[in-house]
């Protein structure tokens, strides 16, 4: 008896430690399977959710336990996506923890999105895709969840962070500005509006009437239609002013990501959709990547014609849609020579950071290993165990022909690496420094004088700088003229002096160098970790 009690206490302590350990982790910690138990009072909950999905987006009240922690009176509905099927054994699930109690959240997260991974036998397209995206831009986190409903197993799902107020606050410091989901309305609910263009999707073509936008964009803020119209007007009619309303660099990262990963259920595919736009405190719209379950070539259409075959997907043109006037976010931006070079630099970075070095293969195999046992036991999964095992290396399905991720990306990476537009050598940036107080001098440094060595025939060098992390970056040209304590003119040492406003002691900055064919950035992860310096440190 004593041994049984002791063993029970040991198990209880072990499970308690496990719960504490899990609760200390971020909910979307990679390579994890979260446990989600949903309970409804109604035994016919599936039929009720079907009805709610068909006739609207109302939610069914239930309770949810996340990794052992109970949340009562949450709202549940099927996800509003193309993957929904009436009477299906498996539909994507949307959960609002704050449906009744507006303060209820789990580690700050109030909304849960559980994807069924439509047309993804590998089950890793979203998790791997978002992991790559987060290296370059704000993007959702993602891992996995094992779901039970009313104590019955419902399956293994992809657990994706919602792009909601919590996401916006985390990445932009606000959530009350103009915010749009750029996905056309359900065709069954589309209202034909006289005088509006047809089949624009969310392409950002310009139309004068606000009503023309309502079929193609879903507003998530209290207002903002005028802001969106202004954006499309400037983008299409005065693109030289576009930086006043659009975070151009972040947009170029999104477009480069879509192209490299052959993510065509996006702006870069046929329907120009599945992204978000949020206007930050600087007045710029920021694109945010949306659903990725069709990434890595699972969707194959770039126009109204037939699907691309595997070879065409592997050799998808990095300048796809560059001359397509119905895709102004691509055609207008890439018509600017500097923006085009920045875009191609981003393609080069994504290829070399993730694919040419083999990182993606190791991560893909690790993700599949994480969910292998749980998925084998899942009786409601979409694909057979054999398809899951083969999906990294082989095409699955005779009709849908979903490419194996390695099968697609090994040759795609080689193709992009050698492509004439991508293979151009960019300038080399080195020996970056800010000059400090001279030894034994009593004169304090009051300005930031930045020097850098630039090789490979740079024709233009710019420094982007700001004095507060909340501010937009300003820019200044660096010169190889010997007037900024940078040696002699023509010695490849470029310099610039930046005077901070009164009271400002620190600076954040990064450098862009451009030659005839390409650009380079330093540091390479300037989006998140620019160089930093303080006057205090320079005067020591």
Protein backbone atom coordinates (compact mmCIF):
# COMPACT_ATOMS: atom_id res chain seq x y z
CA UNK A 1 0.00 0.00 0.00
CA UNK A 2 2.77 2.42 0.98
CA UNK A 3 4.63 1.69 -2.28
CA UNK A 4 1.43 2.34 -4.32
CA UNK A 5 0.85 5.70 -2.62
CA UNK A 6 4.50 6.64 -3.09
CA UNK A 7 4.32 5.71 -6.78
CA UNK A 8 1.10 7.75 -7.20
CA UNK A 9 2.73 10.76 -5.54
CA UNK A 10 5.73 10.36 -7.84
CA UNK A 11 3.50 10.30 -10.93
CA UNK A 12 1.51 13.28 -9.67
CA UNK A 13 4.72 15.22 -9.03
CA UNK A 14 6.08 14.26 -12.44
CA UNK A 15 2.91 15.39 -14.24
CA UNK A 16 2.80 18.61 -12.20
CA UNK A 17 6.42 19.33 -13.12
CA UNK A 18 5.56 18.65 -16.78
CA UNK A 19 2.66 21.13 -16.67
CA UNK A 20 4.83 23.76 -14.98
CA UNK A 21 7.59 23.20 -17.55
CA UNK A 22 5.10 23.57 -20.40
CA UNK A 23 3.53 26.66 -18.89
CA UNK A 24 6.98 28.27 -18.68
CA UNK A 25 7.45 27.79 -22.43
CA UNK A 26 5.98 30.08 -25.04
CA UNK A 27 2.76 28.52 -26.27
CA UNK A 28 4.12 28.36 -29.82
CA UNK A 29 7.51 26.93 -28.90
CA UNK A 30 8.69 25.10 -32.07
CA UNK A 31 8.87 21.31 -32.20
CA UNK A 32 6.05 20.98 -29.66
CA UNK A 33 2.61 19.38 -29.70
CA UNK A 34 0.13 21.22 -27.49
CA UNK A 35 -2.85 19.41 -25.96
CA UNK A 36 -6.23 21.06 -26.52
CA UNK A 37 -9.38 19.55 -25.01
CA UNK A 38 -12.67 21.15 -26.09
CA UNK A 39 -15.97 20.35 -24.40
CA UNK A 40 -19.50 21.29 -25.46
CA UNK A 41 -22.78 20.62 -23.68
CA UNK A 42 -24.31 19.61 -27.02
CA UNK A 43 -23.64 16.14 -28.36
CA UNK A 44 -24.47 17.30 -31.91
CA UNK A 45 -21.80 19.99 -31.80
CA UNK A 46 -20.52 19.15 -35.30
CA UNK A 47 -23.90 19.78 -36.90
CA UNK A 48 -24.26 23.04 -34.96
CA UNK A 49 -20.83 24.26 -36.09
CA UNK A 50 -21.68 23.30 -39.69
CA UNK A 51 -24.86 25.36 -39.48
CA UNK A 52 -23.10 28.34 -37.93
CA UNK A 53 -20.45 28.22 -40.66
CA UNK A 54 -23.01 28.07 -43.46
CA UNK A 55 -25.28 30.83 -42.19
CA UNK A 56 -22.72 33.12 -40.59
CA UNK A 57 -19.74 33.20 -38.30
CA UNK A 58 -21.44 32.94 -34.92
CA UNK A 59 -19.64 30.91 -32.26
CA UNK A 60 -20.68 27.99 -30.09
CA UNK A 61 -19.89 28.37 -26.39
CA UNK A 62 -17.79 25.68 -24.77
CA UNK A 63 -14.86 25.09 -22.43
CA UNK A 64 -11.24 24.58 -23.49
CA UNK A 65 -8.33 23.06 -21.58
CA UNK A 66 -4.90 24.04 -22.88
CA UNK A 67 -2.04 21.90 -21.60
CA UNK A 68 -4.03 21.23 -18.42
CA UNK A 69 -5.31 24.78 -17.86
CA UNK A 70 -9.10 25.27 -18.05
CA UNK A 71 -10.74 28.24 -19.79
CA UNK A 72 -14.52 28.47 -19.52
CA UNK A 73 -17.12 30.05 -21.82
CA UNK A 74 -14.93 30.33 -24.90
CA UNK A 75 -16.31 30.73 -28.42
CA UNK A 76 -15.68 28.06 -31.05
CA UNK A 77 -16.41 27.91 -34.79
CA UNK A 78 -15.02 26.27 -37.87
CA UNK A 79 -12.30 28.27 -39.59
CA UNK A 80 -13.55 30.47 -42.41
CA UNK A 81 -11.44 28.91 -45.14
CA UNK A 82 -11.71 26.96 -48.38
CA UNK A 83 -10.82 23.82 -46.42
CA UNK A 84 -14.26 23.73 -44.73
CA UNK A 85 -16.52 20.83 -45.71
CA UNK A 86 -20.04 20.18 -44.40
CA UNK A 87 -20.19 16.92 -42.44
CA UNK A 88 -16.43 16.38 -42.66
CA UNK A 89 -14.66 14.35 -39.98
CA UNK A 90 -12.04 17.08 -39.82
CA UNK A 91 -12.39 20.87 -40.16
CA UNK A 92 -10.11 23.69 -39.07
CA UNK A 93 -11.08 25.22 -35.72
CA UNK A 94 -11.18 28.85 -34.56
CA UNK A 95 -11.27 29.48 -30.78
CA UNK A 96 -11.81 32.82 -29.02
CA UNK A 97 -10.78 32.57 -25.39
CA UNK A 98 -12.10 36.10 -24.76
CA UNK A 99 -15.54 35.49 -26.30
CA UNK A 100 -17.33 36.16 -22.98
CA UNK A 101 -14.56 37.24 -20.62
CA UNK A 102 -12.69 39.93 -22.57
CA UNK A 103 -9.63 39.59 -20.31
CA UNK A 104 -9.31 35.81 -20.68
CA UNK A 105 -6.13 34.75 -22.48
CA UNK A 106 -3.43 32.09 -22.51
CA UNK A 107 0.06 33.61 -22.23
CA UNK A 108 -1.40 36.75 -23.81
CA UNK A 109 -3.00 34.89 -26.72
CA UNK A 110 -6.76 35.31 -27.02
CA UNK A 111 -7.42 33.60 -30.36
CA UNK A 112 -6.36 30.11 -31.48
CA UNK A 113 -6.25 29.01 -35.12
CA UNK A 114 -6.07 25.27 -35.71
CA UNK A 115 -5.41 24.40 -39.34
CA UNK A 116 -6.25 21.05 -40.89
CA UNK A 117 -3.29 21.53 -43.32
CA UNK A 118 -5.35 21.23 -46.49
CA UNK A 119 -3.34 19.76 -49.36
CA UNK A 120 -0.28 19.30 -47.21
CA UNK A 121 0.52 15.61 -46.66
CA UNK A 122 3.83 16.63 -45.06
CA UNK A 123 2.02 18.60 -42.30
CA UNK A 124 4.97 21.03 -42.16
CA UNK A 125 4.35 23.64 -44.85
CA UNK A 126 2.88 26.20 -42.46
CA UNK A 127 5.24 25.62 -39.55
CA UNK A 128 8.39 25.59 -41.70
CA UNK A 129 7.18 28.46 -43.89
CA UNK A 130 6.40 30.74 -40.96
CA UNK A 131 9.70 29.86 -39.32
CA UNK A 132 11.53 31.08 -42.43
CA UNK A 133 9.33 34.18 -42.74
CA UNK A 134 9.99 35.27 -39.15
CA UNK A 135 13.69 35.65 -39.97
CA UNK A 136 12.85 38.61 -42.18
CA UNK A 137 9.53 40.14 -41.16
CA UNK A 138 6.78 39.94 -38.52
CA UNK A 139 4.90 36.68 -39.15
CA UNK A 140 2.79 34.28 -37.07
CA UNK A 141 4.35 31.63 -34.88
CA UNK A 142 3.26 28.03 -35.37
CA UNK A 143 3.61 24.51 -33.99
CA UNK A 144 1.19 21.61 -33.49
CA UNK A 145 -1.79 20.63 -31.37
CA UNK A 146 -3.42 17.34 -30.51
CA UNK A 147 -7.14 17.97 -30.13
CA UNK A 148 -9.91 16.17 -28.28
CA UNK A 149 -13.57 17.18 -28.40
CA UNK A 150 -15.90 15.88 -25.67
CA UNK A 151 -13.14 13.42 -24.68
CA UNK A 152 -12.89 11.93 -28.18
CA UNK A 153 -9.72 12.34 -30.29
CA UNK A 154 -10.22 14.85 -33.09
CA UNK A 155 -6.74 14.78 -34.58
CA UNK A 156 -3.38 16.49 -34.96
CA UNK A 157 -3.60 20.05 -36.29
CA UNK A 158 -1.23 22.87 -37.15
CA UNK A 159 -1.43 25.46 -34.37
CA UNK A 160 -0.98 28.94 -35.91
CA UNK A 161 -0.84 32.28 -34.12
CA UNK A 162 -3.68 34.59 -35.13
CA UNK A 163 -2.95 37.93 -36.77
CA UNK A 164 -5.06 39.87 -34.29
CA UNK A 165 -4.75 42.76 -31.83
CA UNK A 166 -2.24 40.83 -29.72
CA UNK A 167 -0.06 40.20 -32.79
CA UNK A 168 -0.25 43.86 -33.86
CA UNK A 169 0.60 45.16 -30.39
CA UNK A 170 3.58 42.80 -30.19
CA UNK A 171 5.06 43.81 -33.53
CA UNK A 172 3.86 47.39 -34.10
CA UNK A 173 3.09 48.72 -30.63
CA UNK A 174 -0.53 49.49 -31.53
CA UNK A 175 -3.66 47.77 -32.82
CA UNK A 176 -6.18 50.57 -33.40
CA UNK A 177 -5.08 51.83 -36.83
CA UNK A 178 -6.36 50.81 -40.27
CA UNK A 179 -6.20 47.03 -40.56
CA UNK A 180 -7.34 44.81 -43.44
CA UNK A 181 -7.39 41.14 -44.25
CA UNK A 182 -6.60 41.09 -47.95
CA UNK A 183 -8.74 38.18 -49.03
CA UNK A 184 -11.78 38.59 -51.27
CA UNK A 185 -15.18 37.97 -49.75
CA UNK A 186 -16.87 34.62 -50.20
CA UNK A 187 -18.13 34.60 -53.78
CA UNK A 188 -21.59 33.60 -52.53
CA UNK A 189 -21.70 36.83 -50.50
CA UNK A 190 -20.18 39.09 -53.15
CA UNK A 191 -22.28 42.09 -54.10
CA UNK A 192 -21.96 43.30 -57.69
CA UNK A 193 -21.33 47.05 -57.61
CA UNK A 194 -21.92 49.14 -60.71
CA UNK A 195 -18.86 50.98 -61.95
CA UNK A 196 -16.32 48.72 -60.20
CA UNK A 197 -13.71 46.55 -61.89
CA UNK A 198 -14.18 42.78 -61.87
CA UNK A 199 -11.86 40.10 -60.51
CA UNK A 200 -9.41 42.47 -58.84
CA UNK A 201 -9.14 40.23 -55.80
CA UNK A 202 -6.86 42.06 -53.31
CA UNK A 203 -4.43 43.28 -55.95
CA UNK A 204 -4.39 46.93 -54.80
CA UNK A 205 -5.40 48.33 -58.15
CA UNK A 206 -6.87 51.80 -57.76
CA UNK A 207 -10.60 52.48 -57.76
CA UNK A 208 -12.20 55.78 -56.82
CA UNK A 209 -15.22 54.50 -54.91
CA UNK A 210 -14.81 52.98 -51.47
CA UNK A 211 -17.63 50.54 -52.24
CA UNK A 212 -15.45 48.98 -54.96
CA UNK A 213 -13.04 47.71 -52.28
CA UNK A 214 -15.59 45.96 -50.07
CA UNK A 215 -15.71 42.75 -52.15
CA UNK A 216 -11.94 42.37 -52.11
CA UNK A 217 -10.83 43.43 -48.63
CA UNK A 218 -12.16 42.60 -45.17
CA UNK A 219 -11.78 45.54 -42.81
CA UNK A 220 -10.73 44.58 -39.27
CA UNK A 221 -10.58 48.11 -37.81
CA UNK A 222 -13.29 50.64 -37.02
CA UNK A 223 -12.34 52.67 -40.09
CA UNK A 224 -9.63 52.85 -42.72
CA UNK A 225 -11.21 52.66 -46.18
CA UNK A 226 -9.89 56.12 -47.09
CA UNK A 227 -6.39 55.04 -46.01
CA UNK A 228 -6.59 52.01 -48.29
CA UNK A 229 -7.81 54.12 -51.21
CA UNK A 230 -4.94 56.56 -50.67
CA UNK A 231 -2.48 53.65 -50.71
CA UNK A 232 -3.80 52.28 -54.01
CA UNK A 233 -3.89 55.75 -55.56
CA UNK A 234 -0.26 56.49 -54.68
CA UNK A 235 0.90 52.98 -55.63
CA UNK A 236 -0.70 53.13 -59.07
CA UNK A 237 -0.52 56.82 -59.96
CA UNK A 238 2.37 58.36 -57.98
CA UNK A 239 4.67 55.43 -57.12
CA UNK A 240 7.59 57.79 -56.48
CA UNK A 241 5.77 58.78 -53.25
CA UNK A 242 4.99 55.23 -52.14
CA UNK A 243 7.32 55.23 -49.12
CA UNK A 244 5.06 57.78 -47.47
CA UNK A 245 2.30 55.15 -47.19
CA UNK A 246 3.98 51.74 -47.53
CA UNK A 247 6.83 49.98 -45.77
CA UNK A 248 8.50 49.18 -49.08
CA UNK A 249 11.35 47.05 -47.76
CA UNK A 250 9.01 44.82 -45.76
CA UNK A 251 6.80 44.49 -48.85
CA UNK A 252 9.79 43.41 -50.92
CA UNK A 253 10.64 40.79 -48.30
CA UNK A 254 7.10 39.40 -48.50
CA UNK A 255 7.18 39.26 -52.29
CA UNK A 256 10.63 37.61 -52.28
CA UNK A 257 9.43 35.06 -49.73
CA UNK A 258 6.34 34.23 -51.81
CA UNK A 259 8.46 33.69 -54.91
CA UNK A 260 11.28 31.62 -53.41
CA UNK A 261 8.89 29.31 -51.51
CA UNK A 262 6.51 29.08 -54.49
CA UNK A 263 3.74 30.27 -52.19
CA UNK A 264 1.04 31.05 -54.75
CA UNK A 265 -2.03 31.27 -52.49
CA UNK A 266 -0.74 34.80 -51.94
CA UNK A 267 -0.38 38.17 -53.63
CA UNK A 268 2.16 36.54 -55.97
CA UNK A 269 -0.27 33.90 -57.23
CA UNK A 270 -3.32 34.17 -59.41
CA UNK A 271 -5.82 35.57 -56.90
CA UNK A 272 -3.71 38.23 -55.07
CA UNK A 273 -4.83 37.26 -51.57
CA UNK A 274 -4.05 35.82 -48.14
CA UNK A 275 -2.09 38.68 -46.65
CA UNK A 276 -2.88 41.50 -44.21
CA UNK A 277 -2.21 45.24 -44.23
CA UNK A 278 -1.72 47.23 -41.02
CA UNK A 279 -1.00 50.96 -40.88
CA UNK A 280 1.58 51.65 -38.18
CA UNK A 281 2.19 54.76 -36.10
CA UNK A 282 4.59 56.07 -38.77
CA UNK A 283 1.71 56.15 -41.27
CA UNK A 284 3.02 53.26 -43.36
CA UNK A 285 1.05 50.15 -44.28
CA UNK A 286 2.88 46.92 -43.44
CA UNK A 287 2.05 43.69 -45.27
CA UNK A 288 1.78 40.54 -43.12
CA UNK A 289 1.93 37.06 -44.61
CA UNK A 290 -1.22 34.95 -44.29
CA UNK A 291 -2.05 31.25 -44.74
CA UNK A 292 0.85 29.05 -45.82
CA UNK A 293 -0.65 25.57 -46.11
CA UNK A 294 -0.37 25.89 -49.92
CA UNK A 295 3.27 27.01 -49.83
CA UNK A 296 6.05 25.00 -51.46
CA UNK A 297 4.06 24.54 -54.66
CA UNK A 298 0.92 22.95 -53.26
CA UNK A 299 -1.05 25.54 -55.26
CA UNK A 300 0.29 25.92 -58.79
CA UNK A 301 -1.62 28.68 -60.56
CA UNK A 302 -0.09 32.09 -61.40
CA UNK A 303 -2.79 33.15 -63.89
CA UNK A 304 -6.19 32.04 -65.17
CA UNK A 305 -4.63 29.29 -67.28
CA UNK A 306 -3.71 25.75 -66.24
CA UNK A 307 -1.57 24.69 -63.28
CA UNK A 308 2.20 24.70 -63.53
CA UNK A 309 4.01 21.36 -63.60
CA UNK A 310 6.85 20.44 -61.26
CA UNK A 311 9.62 21.67 -63.56
CA UNK A 312 7.83 25.01 -64.04
CA UNK A 313 7.45 25.38 -60.27
CA UNK A 314 11.15 24.63 -59.76
CA UNK A 315 12.01 27.26 -62.37
CA UNK A 316 9.45 29.89 -61.40
CA UNK A 317 10.75 33.25 -62.63
CA UNK A 318 12.03 35.41 -59.74
CA UNK A 319 10.60 38.39 -61.67
CA UNK A 320 7.16 36.83 -62.06
CA UNK A 321 4.54 39.56 -62.66
CA UNK A 322 7.18 42.30 -62.96
CA UNK A 323 5.37 43.58 -66.07
CA UNK A 324 1.84 42.74 -64.92
CA UNK A 325 -0.14 45.97 -64.43
CA UNK A 326 -2.85 44.07 -62.52
CA UNK A 327 -0.25 43.30 -59.82
CA UNK A 328 0.92 46.85 -58.97
CA UNK A 329 2.55 45.82 -55.71
CA UNK A 330 5.02 43.88 -57.85
CA UNK A 331 5.10 45.75 -61.16
CA UNK A 332 5.19 49.27 -59.74
CA UNK A 333 7.78 48.52 -57.06
CA UNK A 334 10.07 46.50 -59.33
CA UNK A 335 9.99 49.26 -61.95
CA UNK A 336 12.13 51.25 -59.50
CA UNK A 337 15.76 50.11 -60.13
CA UNK A 338 16.77 50.34 -56.46
CA UNK A 339 13.69 48.48 -55.21
CA UNK A 340 14.29 45.77 -57.82
CA UNK A 341 17.86 45.27 -56.58
CA UNK A 342 16.64 45.17 -52.97
CA UNK A 343 14.04 42.54 -53.91
CA UNK A 344 16.64 40.40 -55.67
CA UNK A 345 18.95 40.76 -52.66
CA UNK A 346 16.15 39.44 -50.46
CA UNK A 347 15.65 36.47 -52.78
CA UNK A 348 19.39 35.79 -52.56
CA UNK A 349 19.29 36.01 -48.75
CA UNK A 350 16.35 33.63 -48.39
CA UNK A 351 17.96 31.10 -50.76
CA UNK A 352 21.37 31.12 -49.05
CA UNK A 353 20.11 31.41 -45.45
CA UNK A 354 17.69 28.49 -45.69
CA UNK A 355 18.09 26.29 -48.75
CA UNK A 356 21.58 26.26 -50.20
CA UNK A 357 23.03 25.42 -46.77
CA UNK A 358 20.58 22.52 -46.22
CA UNK A 359 19.00 24.08 -43.10
CA UNK A 360 15.44 23.63 -44.35
CA UNK A 361 15.89 19.88 -44.87
CA UNK A 362 17.11 19.33 -41.30
CA UNK A 363 14.27 21.43 -39.91
CA UNK A 364 11.68 19.69 -42.10
CA UNK A 365 12.84 16.28 -40.92
CA UNK A 366 12.84 17.45 -37.27
CA UNK A 367 9.26 18.77 -37.57
CA UNK A 368 8.04 15.52 -39.09
CA UNK A 369 9.80 13.59 -36.34
CA UNK A 370 7.99 15.73 -33.74
CA UNK A 371 4.54 14.74 -34.97
CA UNK A 372 5.22 11.27 -36.40
CA UNK A 373 3.85 9.17 -33.54
CA UNK A 374 0.84 11.41 -32.90
CA UNK A 375 -0.04 11.49 -36.59
CA UNK A 376 0.26 7.73 -37.01
CA UNK A 377 -2.31 7.37 -34.22
CA UNK A 378 -4.61 10.01 -35.74
CA UNK A 379 -7.63 8.20 -37.19
CA UNK A 380 -8.99 11.32 -38.91
CA UNK A 381 -5.91 12.50 -40.80
CA UNK A 382 -6.28 13.53 -44.43
CA UNK A 383 -3.47 11.39 -45.83
CA UNK A 384 -2.14 7.88 -45.30
CA UNK A 385 0.95 7.28 -43.19
CA UNK A 386 2.87 6.27 -46.31
CA UNK A 387 2.06 9.63 -47.95
CA UNK A 388 3.26 11.48 -44.86
CA UNK A 389 6.58 9.62 -44.95
CA UNK A 390 7.07 10.18 -48.71
CA UNK A 391 5.86 13.78 -48.80
CA UNK A 392 9.26 15.40 -48.29
CA UNK A 393 10.83 13.71 -51.30
CA UNK A 394 8.02 12.68 -53.64
CA UNK A 395 4.92 14.09 -55.31
CA UNK A 396 1.72 12.96 -53.60
CA UNK A 397 -1.57 12.48 -55.42
CA UNK A 398 -2.38 11.71 -59.04
CA UNK A 399 -4.72 14.68 -59.51
CA UNK A 400 -3.53 17.33 -57.07
CA UNK A 401 0.15 16.35 -57.53
CA UNK A 402 1.47 18.02 -54.39
CA UNK A 403 5.26 18.32 -54.77
CA UNK A 404 7.64 16.87 -52.23
CA UNK A 405 9.25 19.80 -50.44
CA UNK A 406 12.82 18.58 -51.01
CA UNK A 407 11.94 17.49 -54.52
CA UNK A 408 10.80 21.04 -55.27
CA UNK A 409 13.26 23.17 -53.33
CA UNK A 410 16.54 21.36 -54.07
CA UNK A 411 16.27 22.17 -57.76
CA UNK A 412 14.56 25.51 -57.17
CA UNK A 413 17.39 26.68 -54.95
CA UNK A 414 19.97 25.70 -57.59
CA UNK A 415 17.94 27.43 -60.28
CA UNK A 416 17.66 30.70 -58.34
CA UNK A 417 21.31 30.61 -57.31
CA UNK A 418 22.38 30.54 -60.96
CA UNK A 419 19.69 32.86 -62.32
CA UNK A 420 21.20 35.87 -64.12
CA UNK A 421 19.26 38.35 -61.97
CA UNK A 422 20.21 36.69 -58.68
CA UNK A 423 23.79 35.56 -59.36
CA UNK A 424 25.14 39.12 -59.72
CA UNK A 425 27.83 39.88 -57.14
CA UNK A 426 26.71 42.62 -54.74
CA UNK A 427 29.11 45.11 -53.12
CA UNK A 428 31.10 43.94 -50.11
CA UNK A 429 30.66 45.97 -46.92
CA UNK A 430 33.32 45.67 -44.22
CA UNK A 431 35.32 47.55 -41.58
CA UNK A 432 32.28 49.42 -40.27
CA UNK A 433 32.98 51.76 -37.39
CA UNK A 434 31.86 54.96 -35.72
CA UNK A 435 34.74 57.23 -34.77
CA UNK A 436 35.20 57.84 -31.06
CA UNK A 437 37.08 60.48 -29.07
CA UNK A 438 40.73 60.66 -30.04
CA UNK A 439 43.24 59.39 -27.52
CA UNK A 440 44.31 62.02 -24.96
CA UNK A 441 41.88 64.55 -26.46
CA UNK A 442 39.69 66.69 -24.19
CA UNK A 443 37.24 67.37 -27.00
CA UNK A 444 34.13 65.24 -26.70
CA UNK A 445 32.52 63.61 -29.72
CA UNK A 446 29.11 65.18 -30.36
CA UNK A 447 28.30 63.65 -33.76
CA UNK A 448 28.20 60.13 -35.21
CA UNK A 449 30.83 59.78 -37.95
CA UNK A 450 30.35 56.44 -39.68
CA UNK A 451 32.98 54.85 -41.92
CA UNK A 452 32.79 51.64 -43.96
CA UNK A 453 34.90 49.96 -46.61
CA UNK A 454 32.90 49.14 -49.75
CA UNK A 455 34.32 46.89 -52.48
CA UNK A 456 32.94 45.64 -55.83
CA UNK A 457 32.59 49.03 -57.54
CA UNK A 458 29.87 50.60 -55.44
CA UNK A 459 28.15 53.49 -57.17
CA UNK A 460 25.97 54.51 -54.22
CA UNK A 461 26.21 53.94 -50.46
CA UNK A 462 23.53 54.99 -48.00
CA UNK A 463 23.18 54.81 -44.26
CA UNK A 464 19.72 54.42 -42.75
CA UNK A 465 19.54 55.77 -39.20
CA UNK A 466 17.23 56.72 -36.37
CA UNK A 467 17.65 58.00 -32.82
CA UNK A 468 14.61 56.20 -31.33
CA UNK A 469 13.45 52.64 -32.03
CA UNK A 470 9.90 53.96 -32.49
CA UNK A 471 10.91 56.32 -35.32
CA UNK A 472 11.15 55.59 -39.02
CA UNK A 473 14.65 55.32 -40.46
CA UNK A 474 16.02 58.40 -42.19
CA UNK A 475 18.68 58.09 -44.84
CA UNK A 476 21.90 59.86 -45.82
CA UNK A 477 24.45 59.28 -48.56
CA UNK A 478 27.94 58.15 -47.64
CA UNK A 479 30.82 59.51 -49.73
CA UNK A 480 34.33 58.36 -50.59
CA UNK A 481 35.70 61.91 -50.62
CA UNK A 482 38.05 62.00 -47.64
CA UNK A 483 36.03 64.63 -45.77
CA UNK A 484 34.64 62.39 -43.02
CA UNK A 485 37.93 61.18 -41.53
CA UNK A 486 37.69 58.33 -44.00
CA UNK A 487 41.17 58.54 -45.43
CA UNK A 488 41.73 59.76 -48.98
CA UNK A 489 39.21 60.23 -51.74
CA UNK A 490 38.84 57.11 -53.87
CA UNK A 491 40.24 54.68 -51.29
CA UNK A 492 36.94 52.76 -51.00
CA UNK A 493 36.38 54.04 -47.46
CA UNK A 494 33.00 55.78 -47.39
CA UNK A 495 31.96 58.12 -44.62
CA UNK A 496 29.15 60.32 -43.34
CA UNK A 497 28.63 62.49 -40.26
CA UNK A 498 25.22 62.54 -38.60
CA UNK A 499 24.39 65.15 -35.98
CA UNK A 500 21.85 63.99 -33.39
CA UNK A 501 19.12 66.34 -32.17
CA UNK A 502 19.57 67.89 -28.74
CA UNK A 503 19.26 65.33 -25.98
CA UNK A 504 19.76 62.29 -28.23
CA UNK A 505 22.67 60.13 -27.16
CA UNK A 506 22.20 56.94 -29.20
CA UNK A 507 21.79 55.88 -32.81
CA UNK A 508 20.60 52.76 -34.66
CA UNK A 509 21.75 52.33 -38.25
CA UNK A 510 22.43 50.00 -41.16
CA UNK A 511 24.21 50.43 -44.48
CA UNK A 512 23.06 49.78 -48.05
CA UNK A 513 25.65 49.64 -50.83
CA UNK A 514 24.66 49.51 -54.49
CA UNK A 515 26.64 48.67 -57.61
CA UNK A 516 25.42 48.40 -61.20
CA UNK A 517 23.80 45.00 -60.73
CA UNK A 518 22.99 44.46 -57.05
CA UNK A 519 22.75 45.81 -53.51
CA UNK A 520 24.02 44.56 -50.17
CA UNK A 521 23.02 45.34 -46.60
CA UNK A 522 25.01 45.36 -43.39
CA UNK A 523 24.13 43.91 -41.00
CA UNK A 524 22.28 41.25 -42.99
CA UNK A 525 19.53 41.08 -40.34
CA UNK A 526 19.14 44.87 -40.29
CA UNK A 527 15.33 44.42 -40.13
CA UNK A 528 15.54 43.34 -36.49
CA UNK A 529 19.08 44.04 -35.28
CA UNK A 530 20.62 47.19 -36.77
CA UNK A 531 23.95 48.46 -35.50
CA UNK A 532 23.80 50.55 -32.30
CA UNK A 533 26.10 53.12 -30.74
CA UNK A 534 26.01 55.81 -28.03
CA UNK A 535 27.92 59.04 -27.57
CA UNK A 536 28.73 57.94 -24.04
CA UNK A 537 30.57 54.88 -25.34
CA UNK A 538 32.37 56.89 -28.03
CA UNK A 539 33.69 59.35 -25.44
CA UNK A 540 35.18 56.80 -23.06
